[in-house]
C-alpha atoms as a PDB file:
ATOM      1  CA  MET A   1      44.074 -20.387  50.800  1.00  0.00           C
ATOM      2  CA  ARG A   2      42.599 -21.062  47.376  1.00  0.00           C
ATOM      3  CA  LEU A   3      40.421 -24.160  47.072  1.00  0.00           C
ATOM      4  CA  ASP A   4      42.432 -25.718  44.221  1.00  0.00           C
ATOM      5  CA  LYS A   5      45.698 -25.259  46.136  1.00  0.00           C
ATOM      6  CA  PHE A   6      44.224 -26.799  49.313  1.00  0.00           C
ATOM      7  CA  MET A   7      42.956 -29.804  47.337  1.00  0.00           C
ATOM      8  CA  LYS A   8      46.445 -30.414  45.932  1.00  0.00           C
ATOM      9  CA  ILE A   9      48.411 -29.867  49.165  1.00  0.00           C
ATOM     10  CA  SER A  10      46.019 -32.046  51.200  1.00  0.00           C
ATOM     11  CA  ARG A  11      46.210 -34.633  48.390  1.00  0.00           C
ATOM     12  CA  LEU A  12      42.439 -34.937  48.122  1.00  0.00           C
ATOM     13  CA  ILE A  13      43.074 -34.376  44.394  1.00  0.00           C
ATOM     14  CA  LYS A  14      46.562 -35.054  43.065  1.00  0.00           C
ATOM     15  CA  ARG A  15      46.987 -32.167  40.607  1.00  0.00           C
ATOM     16  CA  ARG A  16      45.982 -28.520  40.945  1.00  0.00           C
ATOM     17  CA  THR A  17      44.792 -28.352  37.330  1.00  0.00           C
ATOM     18  CA  LEU A  18      42.480 -31.311  37.962  1.00  0.00           C
ATOM     19  CA  ALA A  19      41.208 -29.676  41.179  1.00  0.00           C
ATOM     20  CA  LYS A  20      40.435 -26.531  39.157  1.00  0.00           C
ATOM     21  CA  GLU A  21      38.502 -28.520  36.550  1.00  0.00           C
ATOM     22  CA  VAL A  22      36.470 -30.375  39.192  1.00  0.00           C
ATOM     23  CA  ALA A  23      35.619 -27.126  41.002  1.00  0.00           C
ATOM     24  CA  ASP A  24      34.702 -25.309  37.791  1.00  0.00           C
ATOM     25  CA  LYS A  25      32.279 -28.118  36.888  1.00  0.00           C
ATOM     26  CA  GLY A  26      30.423 -27.442  40.153  1.00  0.00           C
ATOM     27  CA  ARG A  27      31.422 -30.715  41.820  1.00  0.00           C
ATOM     28  CA  ILE A  28      32.847 -29.103  44.985  1.00  0.00           C
ATOM     29  CA  SER A  29      30.905 -27.090  47.527  1.00  0.00           C
ATOM     30  CA  ILE A  30      32.080 -25.188  50.599  1.00  0.00           C
ATOM     31  CA  ASN A  31      29.599 -25.206  53.499  1.00  0.00           C
ATOM     32  CA  GLY A  32      26.793 -26.105  51.067  1.00  0.00           C
ATOM     33  CA  THR A  33      27.602 -23.361  48.538  1.00  0.00           C
ATOM     34  CA  PRO A  34      28.991 -24.285  45.088  1.00  0.00           C
ATOM     35  CA  ALA A  35      32.645 -23.248  44.924  1.00  0.00           C
ATOM     36  CA  LYS A  36      35.053 -22.120  42.230  1.00  0.00           C
ATOM     37  CA  ALA A  37      38.763 -23.017  42.189  1.00  0.00           C
ATOM     38  CA  SER A  38      39.599 -19.479  43.344  1.00  0.00           C
ATOM     39  CA  SER A  39      37.283 -19.658  46.395  1.00  0.00           C
ATOM     40  CA  ASN A  40      39.038 -19.181  49.716  1.00  0.00           C
ATOM     41  CA  VAL A  41      38.888 -21.954  52.307  1.00  0.00           C
ATOM     42  CA  LYS A  42      39.627 -21.685  56.022  1.00  0.00           C
ATOM     43  CA  GLU A  43      39.824 -23.988  59.014  1.00  0.00           C
ATOM     44  CA  GLY A  44      36.416 -25.363  59.990  1.00  0.00           C
ATOM     45  CA  ASP A  45      34.957 -25.235  56.457  1.00  0.00           C
ATOM     46  CA  GLU A  46      33.167 -28.344  55.195  1.00  0.00           C
ATOM     47  CA  LEU A  47      33.875 -29.432  51.641  1.00  0.00           C
ATOM     48  CA  ALA A  48      31.604 -31.779  49.699  1.00  0.00           C
ATOM     49  CA  ILE A  49      33.487 -33.270  46.746  1.00  0.00           C
ATOM     50  CA  GLN A  50      31.906 -35.423  44.077  1.00  0.00           C
ATOM     51  CA  PHE A  51      34.188 -38.124  42.626  1.00  0.00           C
ATOM     52  CA  GLY A  52      32.225 -39.936  39.910  1.00  0.00           C
ATOM     53  CA  GLN A  53      29.481 -41.885  41.724  1.00  0.00           C
ATOM     54  CA  LYS A  54      30.769 -41.000  45.202  1.00  0.00           C
ATOM     55  CA  ARG A  55      30.456 -37.877  47.344  1.00  0.00           C
ATOM     56  CA  VAL A  56      32.971 -37.278  50.130  1.00  0.00           C
ATOM     57  CA  THR A  57      32.401 -34.657  52.820  1.00  0.00           C
ATOM     58  CA  VAL A  58      35.446 -33.433  54.743  1.00  0.00           C
ATOM     59  CA  ARG A  59      36.105 -30.750  57.366  1.00  0.00           C
ATOM     60  CA  ILE A  60      39.274 -28.677  57.065  1.00  0.00           C
ATOM     61  CA  GLU A  61      41.284 -29.040  60.267  1.00  0.00           C
ATOM     62  CA  LYS A  62      44.303 -26.927  59.388  1.00  0.00           C
ATOM     63  CA  ILE A  63      45.744 -24.910  56.531  1.00  0.00           C
ATOM     64  CA  GLN A  64      49.417 -25.363  55.636  1.00  0.00           C
ATOM     65  CA  GLU A  65      51.409 -23.968  52.722  1.00  0.00           C
ATOM     66  CA  SER A  66      53.163 -27.302  52.256  1.00  0.00           C
ATOM     67  CA  THR A  67      53.102 -30.709  53.884  1.00  0.00           C
ATOM     68  CA  LYS A  68      54.717 -34.101  53.663  1.00  0.00           C
ATOM     69  CA  LYS A  69      52.787 -36.916  52.048  1.00  0.00           C
ATOM     70  CA  GLU A  70      52.401 -38.736  55.382  1.00  0.00           C
ATOM     71  CA  GLU A  71      50.991 -35.646  57.110  1.00  0.00           C
ATOM     72  CA  ALA A  72      48.592 -34.526  54.377  1.00  0.00           C
ATOM     73  CA  ALA A  73      45.652 -36.497  55.826  1.00  0.00           C
ATOM     74  CA  ASN A  74      45.977 -34.489  59.072  1.00  0.00           C
ATOM     75  CA  MET A  75      44.772 -31.388  57.209  1.00  0.00           C
ATOM     76  CA  TYR A  76      41.190 -32.691  57.037  1.00  0.00           C
ATOM     77  CA  THR A  77      38.740 -35.116  58.652  1.00  0.00           C
ATOM     78  CA  VAL A  78      36.414 -37.254  56.531  1.00  0.00           C
ATOM     79  CA  LEU A  79      32.902 -36.728  57.868  1.00  0.00           C
ATOM     80  CA  LYS A  80      31.053 -39.034  55.482  1.00  0.00           C
ATOM     81  CA  GLU A  81      31.305 -40.910  52.210  1.00  0.00           C
ATOM     82  CA  GLU A  82      28.197 -41.748  50.243  1.00  0.00           C
ATOM     83  CA  LYS A  83      27.428 -43.428  46.957  1.00  0.00           C
ATOM     84  CA  LEU A  84      25.253 -41.444  44.612  1.00  0.00           C
ATOM     85  CA  GLY A  85      22.281 -43.060  42.936  1.00  0.00           C
ATOM     86  CA  GLY A  86      23.059 -44.774  39.675  1.00  0.00           C
ATOM     87  CA  GLU A  87      21.665 -47.510  37.500  1.00  0.00           C
END
């Protein structure tokens, strides 16, 4: 599944266009490698996503074409959240 589509379906990022922008700015990496919106993700991959001054690392648990809002969080496990250095 494409990275931008996974981000939207799992509700890590609400809109696919926003997920594409974030990925294209180099703020998402898959298993330590910078990723583009068109990169393929699979179960077991680790995503590091930078949201402003915060970096969230998640592991993909399952890939689904669609999911209900309540079940979206079951698609991934948050491994760590860290604040990035700022002033």
